[in-house]
Amino acid sequence: MGWTLQQPRSRHLLLLFITFASCVTVVFISKSDTREMYDHGSVTYKMAEMEMRVDHLTRLYELRDKDVQELIKHFSSVLKTIVKSLNVSVSGDIESLIVAYNKSIEMVRSPMANFDVYTFLPHLRSHKDYLRPLILHSGGRNAVSMVFGVPTVRRQQQTYLIQTLINLVSNMNQTEQKDSLIVIMIGETDHEYTHQVTEEIKNRLSDAVNSGLIDIIAPSPEYYPDFSKLRLTLGDSEDRVRWRSKQNLDYVFLMMYCQPKGSFYVQLEDDVVAKPQFHTIMKKTALQRIADGQEWFILDFCRLGFIGKMIRCSDLPWLIQFIVMFYNDKPGDWLLDGMMETKAC
């Protein structure tokens, strides 16, 4: 009888034990699956990041390979000129060596010269040095994940450039800062003004400047075409057409400089406000798209005009070429929309 009284209790204990064991097993399996999913996601994310690095390095190799070819070609012509001036004969081996080289004056060549802008800006054809940026400050940083382009021009009223730069830097942690490059392109040709802006940036953001986080560039005065000869389009006034055409060329100049510097390029302006860890948010979004195998050309982090538009640095030549072809026809954000419509069709 005692046994019959204890049987329900034993059954309850057994049931409780089985339930507890099942819960522990489920939790263990769940954690294992979560860990595996996390590990898989982490590996996929890292692979996407490596893919972008390889893509960036491949593009840099292509650019440098063109430089080497140009160097070889010019060196050949120099050797031939020397031999001819000395009035001596050379052996077949020497002649073969001369033929193997070709162009030696441009020991340091701007990567901007790799873009075909001369068809659309013919005044640059005989003055390729006009594409070379005036580097007002550079820490020599490259091979970063994120390059942020900030064009700025002289304003009649208050300027927000310094506040914008302080905001950008303060909303990045140390890791993000080391993986970034902020390029300020001063779209003015007044040397006194560009020097003044450069010194103000150096004084107000000395830590960022000294760490290599900030580059400051300006165009050569001869970079811009004769704006008095622009066609009037879209019913805009001459001043409006001049303003938006120059802005497009500023974008082009800035992008050409930034293209070999990193994996992703983000277009900003000199009066934006960023969110904390915007670098990580943008980078993770791009890498996740790549890891998921999604095709994309532009990622949009702001609805206003050209601001917050993110593109692979390896894809920048497409955008640069498109803008320079139609810089006189439409504003930059309209050109971007038109290019996206063309690529999406």
Protein backbone atom coordinates (compact mmCIF):
# COMPACT_ATOMS: atom_id res chain seq x y z
CA MET A 1 0.00 0.00 0.00
CA GLY A 2 2.91 2.24 0.72
CA TRP A 3 4.18 1.53 -2.73
CA THR A 4 0.90 2.56 -4.35
CA LEU A 5 0.93 5.82 -2.40
CA GLN A 6 4.51 6.67 -3.59
CA GLN A 7 3.97 5.73 -7.26
CA PRO A 8 2.35 9.04 -8.32
CA ARG A 9 5.14 10.93 -6.56
CA SER A 10 7.77 8.87 -8.45
CA ARG A 11 5.98 9.49 -11.70
CA HIS A 12 5.92 13.23 -11.04
CA LEU A 13 9.61 13.22 -10.17
CA LEU A 14 10.41 11.25 -13.31
CA LEU A 15 8.30 13.58 -15.43
CA LEU A 16 9.97 16.61 -13.83
CA PHE A 17 13.42 15.16 -14.50
CA ILE A 18 12.58 14.41 -18.14
CA THR A 19 11.17 17.92 -18.60
CA PHE A 20 14.26 19.50 -17.04
CA ALA A 21 16.60 17.37 -19.14
CA SER A 22 14.67 18.26 -22.28
CA CYS A 23 14.86 21.97 -21.50
CA VAL A 24 18.60 21.79 -20.89
CA THR A 25 19.06 19.88 -24.15
CA VAL A 26 16.97 22.39 -26.11
CA VAL A 27 18.88 25.33 -24.60
CA PHE A 28 22.21 23.66 -25.37
CA ILE A 29 21.20 22.91 -28.95
CA SER A 30 19.82 26.42 -29.35
CA LYS A 31 23.06 27.95 -28.10
CA SER A 32 25.08 25.67 -30.34
CA ASP A 33 22.98 26.65 -33.36
CA THR A 34 23.25 30.32 -32.43
CA ARG A 35 27.01 30.01 -32.07
CA GLU A 36 27.25 28.24 -35.42
CA MET A 37 25.06 30.88 -37.04
CA TYR A 38 27.16 33.63 -35.49
CA ASP A 39 30.39 31.96 -36.56
CA HIS A 40 29.03 31.44 -40.06
CA GLY A 41 27.87 35.05 -40.24
CA SER A 42 31.19 36.29 -38.93
CA VAL A 43 33.14 34.23 -41.47
CA THR A 44 30.87 35.39 -44.29
CA TYR A 45 31.29 39.00 -43.17
CA LYS A 46 35.08 38.65 -43.07
CA MET A 47 35.09 37.02 -46.51
CA ALA A 48 33.08 39.94 -47.89
CA GLU A 49 35.58 42.36 -46.36
CA MET A 50 38.48 40.43 -47.87
CA GLU A 51 36.73 40.48 -51.24
CA MET A 52 36.55 44.26 -51.09
CA ARG A 53 40.24 44.49 -50.13
CA VAL A 54 41.24 42.29 -53.06
CA ASP A 55 39.04 44.33 -55.39
CA HIS A 56 40.69 47.53 -54.16
CA LEU A 57 44.22 46.13 -54.53
CA THR A 58 43.42 44.84 -58.02
CA ARG A 59 42.28 48.29 -59.06
CA LEU A 60 45.43 49.87 -57.60
CA TYR A 61 47.57 47.34 -59.48
CA GLU A 62 45.82 48.23 -62.73
CA LEU A 63 46.48 51.92 -62.15
CA ARG A 64 50.13 51.39 -61.24
CA ASP A 65 50.59 49.03 -64.19
CA LYS A 66 49.52 51.83 -66.51
CA ASP A 67 52.01 54.14 -64.82
CA VAL A 68 54.81 51.62 -65.35
CA GLN A 69 53.90 51.25 -69.01
CA GLU A 70 53.97 55.02 -69.47
CA LEU A 71 57.31 55.20 -67.66
CA ILE A 72 58.80 52.50 -69.87
CA LYS A 73 57.58 54.18 -73.06
CA HIS A 74 59.04 57.55 -72.16
CA PHE A 75 62.37 56.12 -71.01
CA SER A 76 62.67 54.49 -74.42
CA SER A 77 62.29 57.81 -76.21
CA VAL A 78 64.85 59.42 -73.88
CA LEU A 79 67.40 56.68 -74.59
CA LYS A 80 66.84 57.01 -78.33
CA THR A 81 67.35 60.78 -78.14
CA ILE A 82 70.61 60.33 -76.21
CA VAL A 83 71.94 57.73 -78.65
CA LYS A 84 71.02 59.91 -81.62
CA SER A 85 72.67 63.01 -80.12
CA LEU A 86 75.89 61.05 -79.47
CA ASN A 87 75.89 59.82 -83.07
CA VAL A 88 76.92 56.29 -82.10
CA SER A 89 75.71 52.91 -83.22
CA VAL A 90 74.30 50.43 -80.75
CA SER A 91 74.14 46.68 -80.74
CA GLY A 92 70.94 44.74 -81.27
CA ASP A 93 70.74 43.97 -77.55
CA ILE A 94 70.95 47.64 -76.64
CA GLU A 95 68.36 48.45 -79.29
CA SER A 96 66.07 45.80 -77.84
CA LEU A 97 66.60 47.28 -74.40
CA ILE A 98 65.69 50.72 -75.67
CA VAL A 99 62.53 49.39 -77.28
CA ALA A 100 61.60 47.76 -73.96
CA TYR A 101 61.35 51.13 -72.18
CA ASN A 102 58.98 53.99 -72.86
CA LYS A 103 58.45 57.33 -70.83
CA SER A 104 60.53 58.55 -67.88
CA ILE A 105 59.68 62.11 -66.93
CA GLU A 106 56.53 61.46 -64.86
CA MET A 107 58.23 59.68 -61.99
CA VAL A 108 55.26 60.43 -59.76
CA ARG A 109 52.02 60.45 -61.69
CA SER A 110 48.62 61.41 -60.36
CA PRO A 111 46.08 58.57 -60.48
CA MET A 112 43.65 61.18 -61.81
CA ALA A 113 45.36 60.95 -65.17
CA ASN A 114 43.98 57.44 -65.59
CA PHE A 115 40.50 58.79 -66.27
CA ASP A 116 39.48 59.87 -69.76
CA VAL A 117 38.25 63.37 -69.03
CA TYR A 118 40.04 65.05 -71.92
CA THR A 119 37.31 64.37 -74.46
CA PHE A 120 34.85 66.33 -72.33
CA LEU A 121 37.32 68.84 -70.87
CA PRO A 122 39.51 69.41 -73.94
CA HIS A 123 41.38 72.34 -72.36
CA LEU A 124 43.15 69.75 -70.18
CA ARG A 125 44.42 67.68 -73.10
CA SER A 126 47.71 69.53 -73.49
CA HIS A 127 48.03 70.33 -69.79
CA LYS A 128 47.59 67.06 -67.92
CA ASP A 129 49.28 68.53 -64.86
CA TYR A 130 46.12 70.59 -64.33
CA LEU A 131 44.52 67.38 -63.06
CA ARG A 132 47.14 67.09 -60.36
CA PRO A 133 45.65 68.20 -57.02
CA LEU A 134 47.23 70.84 -54.84
CA ILE A 135 47.75 68.80 -51.69
CA LEU A 136 47.44 71.29 -48.87
CA HIS A 137 47.80 68.57 -46.25
CA SER A 138 48.06 64.78 -46.35
CA GLY A 139 49.16 62.15 -43.87
CA GLY A 140 49.63 59.67 -46.70
CA ARG A 141 46.88 57.37 -45.45
CA ASN A 142 45.39 54.81 -47.85
CA ALA A 143 44.03 51.24 -47.92
CA VAL A 144 41.23 52.20 -45.53
CA SER A 145 37.70 50.82 -45.62
CA MET A 146 35.87 54.15 -45.75
CA VAL A 147 36.77 57.33 -47.61
CA PHE A 148 34.52 60.32 -46.90
CA GLY A 149 34.58 63.12 -49.47
CA VAL A 150 33.68 66.61 -48.24
CA PRO A 151 33.59 69.33 -50.91
CA THR A 152 33.49 72.90 -49.65
CA VAL A 153 33.42 76.34 -51.24
CA ARG A 154 33.54 79.91 -50.01
CA ARG A 155 30.18 80.99 -48.57
CA GLN A 156 28.84 84.52 -48.43
CA GLN A 157 27.45 83.97 -44.95
CA GLN A 158 28.31 81.49 -42.19
CA THR A 159 30.34 78.37 -42.94
CA TYR A 160 29.71 75.08 -41.18
CA LEU A 161 32.80 73.18 -42.35
CA ILE A 162 34.60 73.09 -38.99
CA GLN A 163 31.45 72.08 -37.10
CA THR A 164 30.81 69.35 -39.66
CA LEU A 165 34.34 67.96 -39.36
CA ILE A 166 34.20 68.03 -35.55
CA ASN A 167 30.88 66.20 -35.71
CA LEU A 168 32.22 63.54 -38.08
CA VAL A 169 35.34 62.88 -36.01
CA SER A 170 33.54 62.87 -32.65
CA ASN A 171 31.02 60.31 -33.91
CA MET A 172 33.76 57.81 -34.76
CA ASN A 173 35.60 55.71 -32.18
CA GLN A 174 39.35 55.13 -32.41
CA THR A 175 38.99 51.94 -34.45
CA GLU A 176 36.71 53.67 -36.94
CA GLN A 177 39.03 56.66 -37.22
CA LYS A 178 41.99 54.42 -38.03
CA ASP A 179 39.95 52.74 -40.78
CA SER A 180 38.79 56.02 -42.36
CA LEU A 181 40.02 58.93 -44.44
CA ILE A 182 38.20 62.26 -44.63
CA VAL A 183 39.15 64.26 -47.72
CA ILE A 184 38.25 67.95 -47.77
CA MET A 185 38.27 69.39 -51.28
CA ILE A 186 38.33 73.20 -51.22
CA GLY A 187 36.72 74.14 -54.52
CA GLU A 188 38.40 77.53 -54.74
CA THR A 189 41.47 78.75 -56.62
CA ASP A 190 42.28 81.69 -54.33
CA HIS A 191 45.55 80.58 -52.70
CA GLU A 192 45.10 82.90 -49.73
CA TYR A 193 41.64 81.50 -49.00
CA THR A 194 42.64 77.83 -49.35
CA HIS A 195 45.62 78.44 -47.04
CA GLN A 196 43.35 80.13 -44.50
CA VAL A 197 40.88 77.22 -44.48
CA THR A 198 43.71 74.69 -44.24
CA GLU A 199 45.25 76.43 -41.24
CA GLU A 200 41.89 76.66 -39.49
CA ILE A 201 41.30 72.93 -39.95
CA LYS A 202 44.79 72.16 -38.64
CA ASN A 203 44.24 74.35 -35.58
CA ARG A 204 40.74 73.18 -34.71
CA LEU A 205 41.24 69.48 -35.47
CA SER A 206 44.93 69.03 -34.78
CA ASP A 207 44.64 65.46 -33.45
CA ALA A 208 42.68 64.27 -36.48
CA VAL A 209 45.03 66.04 -38.87
CA ASN A 210 48.19 64.72 -37.19
CA SER A 211 46.86 61.16 -37.09
CA GLY A 212 46.38 61.11 -40.86
CA LEU A 213 42.58 61.02 -40.70
CA ILE A 214 42.22 64.22 -42.76
CA ASP A 215 43.53 65.13 -46.21
CA ILE A 216 43.00 68.62 -47.64
CA ILE A 217 43.21 69.27 -51.38
CA ALA A 218 42.34 71.98 -53.89
CA PRO A 219 42.24 72.07 -57.70
CA SER A 220 44.62 73.90 -59.96
CA PRO A 221 43.10 77.18 -61.23
CA GLU A 222 43.40 75.82 -64.77
CA TYR A 223 41.34 72.71 -63.95
CA TYR A 224 38.06 74.50 -64.62
CA PRO A 225 36.92 75.27 -68.18
CA ASP A 226 35.76 78.66 -69.41
CA PHE A 227 32.38 78.84 -67.67
CA SER A 228 31.27 81.72 -69.91
CA LYS A 229 30.99 79.21 -72.76
CA LEU A 230 28.61 76.81 -71.01
CA ARG A 231 25.33 75.92 -72.69
CA LEU A 232 22.22 77.08 -70.85
CA THR A 233 20.07 74.04 -70.03
CA LEU A 234 16.88 73.20 -68.12
CA GLY A 235 15.77 76.82 -68.39
CA ASP A 236 18.26 77.80 -65.69
CA SER A 237 19.97 81.17 -65.51
CA GLU A 238 23.61 81.57 -66.47
CA ASP A 239 24.62 81.83 -62.80
CA ARG A 240 22.70 78.67 -61.91
CA VAL A 241 24.21 76.70 -64.80
CA ARG A 242 27.69 77.90 -63.85
CA TRP A 243 27.17 76.99 -60.19
CA ARG A 244 25.89 73.44 -60.79
CA SER A 245 28.43 72.75 -63.55
CA LYS A 246 31.29 73.77 -61.26
CA GLN A 247 29.81 71.66 -58.45
CA ASN A 248 29.79 68.64 -60.76
CA LEU A 249 33.44 69.20 -61.65
CA ASP A 250 34.27 69.56 -57.95
CA TYR A 251 32.64 66.17 -57.34
CA VAL A 252 34.66 64.66 -60.19
CA PHE A 253 37.95 66.09 -58.90
CA LEU A 254 37.26 64.89 -55.36
CA MET A 255 36.25 61.39 -56.47
CA MET A 256 39.31 61.01 -58.70
CA TYR A 257 41.56 61.78 -55.75
CA CYS A 258 39.68 59.47 -53.37
CA GLN A 259 39.29 56.51 -55.73
CA PRO A 260 42.61 54.75 -54.94
CA LYS A 261 42.47 55.50 -51.21
CA GLY A 262 40.05 52.87 -49.90
CA SER A 263 37.30 50.31 -50.44
CA PHE A 264 34.16 52.45 -50.13
CA TYR A 265 33.53 56.10 -50.94
CA VAL A 266 30.82 58.20 -49.27
CA GLN A 267 29.82 61.60 -50.64
CA LEU A 268 29.16 64.18 -47.94
CA GLU A 269 28.78 67.96 -47.80
CA ASP A 270 30.24 70.62 -45.52
CA ASP A 271 27.02 71.08 -43.52
CA VAL A 272 25.96 67.60 -42.42
CA VAL A 273 25.29 66.04 -39.02
CA ALA A 274 26.28 62.39 -38.54
CA LYS A 275 24.97 59.72 -36.20
CA PRO A 276 27.26 57.91 -33.72
CA GLN A 277 29.18 55.03 -35.32
CA PHE A 278 28.00 56.00 -38.79
CA HIS A 279 31.22 54.46 -40.15
CA THR A 280 30.40 51.01 -38.74
CA ILE A 281 26.75 51.21 -39.81
CA MET A 282 27.67 52.05 -43.40
CA LYS A 283 30.47 49.51 -43.63
CA LYS A 284 28.40 46.67 -42.15
CA THR A 285 25.51 47.46 -44.48
CA ALA A 286 27.76 47.26 -47.53
CA LEU A 287 29.58 44.11 -46.43
CA GLN A 288 26.31 42.40 -45.55
CA ARG A 289 25.00 43.08 -49.06
CA ILE A 290 28.18 41.63 -50.50
CA ALA A 291 28.07 38.62 -48.17
CA ASP A 292 24.45 37.96 -49.20
CA GLY A 293 25.40 38.11 -52.87
CA GLN A 294 23.20 41.15 -53.53
CA GLU A 295 24.10 43.33 -56.50
CA TRP A 296 24.30 47.04 -55.71
CA PHE A 297 25.88 50.15 -57.14
CA ILE A 298 24.81 52.90 -54.73
CA LEU A 299 23.74 52.64 -51.10
CA ASP A 300 21.74 55.65 -49.95
CA PHE A 301 22.08 56.82 -46.33
CA CYS A 302 20.44 60.21 -46.85
CA ARG A 303 17.50 61.36 -48.93
CA LEU A 304 18.96 64.77 -49.71
CA GLY A 305 20.67 65.18 -53.07
CA PHE A 306 24.14 63.66 -53.32
CA ILE A 307 24.67 63.48 -49.55
CA GLY A 308 25.24 60.07 -47.96
CA LYS A 309 25.63 58.20 -51.23
CA MET A 310 28.00 55.25 -50.84
CA ILE A 311 29.76 53.49 -53.71
CA ARG A 312 32.62 51.03 -54.06
CA CYS A 313 35.83 52.86 -54.87
CA SER A 314 36.36 50.39 -57.70
CA ASP A 315 33.04 51.55 -59.21
CA LEU A 316 33.86 55.26 -58.98
CA PRO A 317 35.27 55.44 -62.54
CA TRP A 318 31.76 54.72 -63.86
CA LEU A 319 30.29 57.60 -61.90
CA ILE A 320 33.20 59.94 -62.61
CA GLN A 321 32.96 59.32 -66.34
CA PHE A 322 29.19 59.78 -66.36
CA ILE A 323 29.30 63.08 -64.46
CA VAL A 324 32.10 64.54 -66.53
CA MET A 325 30.24 63.68 -69.74
CA PHE A 326 27.12 65.58 -68.69
CA TYR A 327 28.46 68.09 -66.15
CA ASN A 328 27.00 70.98 -68.17
CA ASP A 329 23.58 69.38 -68.63
CA LYS A 330 22.11 68.58 -65.21
CA PRO A 331 22.79 68.87 -61.45
CA GLY A 332 24.85 66.07 -59.92
CA ASP A 333 22.01 64.34 -58.08
CA TRP A 334 19.96 64.28 -61.30
CA LEU A 335 22.89 62.72 -63.12
CA LEU A 336 23.19 60.11 -60.39
CA ASP A 337 19.48 59.29 -60.72
CA GLY A 338 19.86 59.04 -64.49
CA MET A 339 22.81 56.70 -64.21
CA MET A 340 20.97 54.49 -61.72
CA GLU A 341 17.97 54.28 -64.04
CA THR A 342 20.27 53.34 -66.91
CA LYS A 343 22.05 50.62 -64.93
CA ALA A 344 18.80 49.24 -63.52
CA CYS A 345 17.21 48.73 -66.94
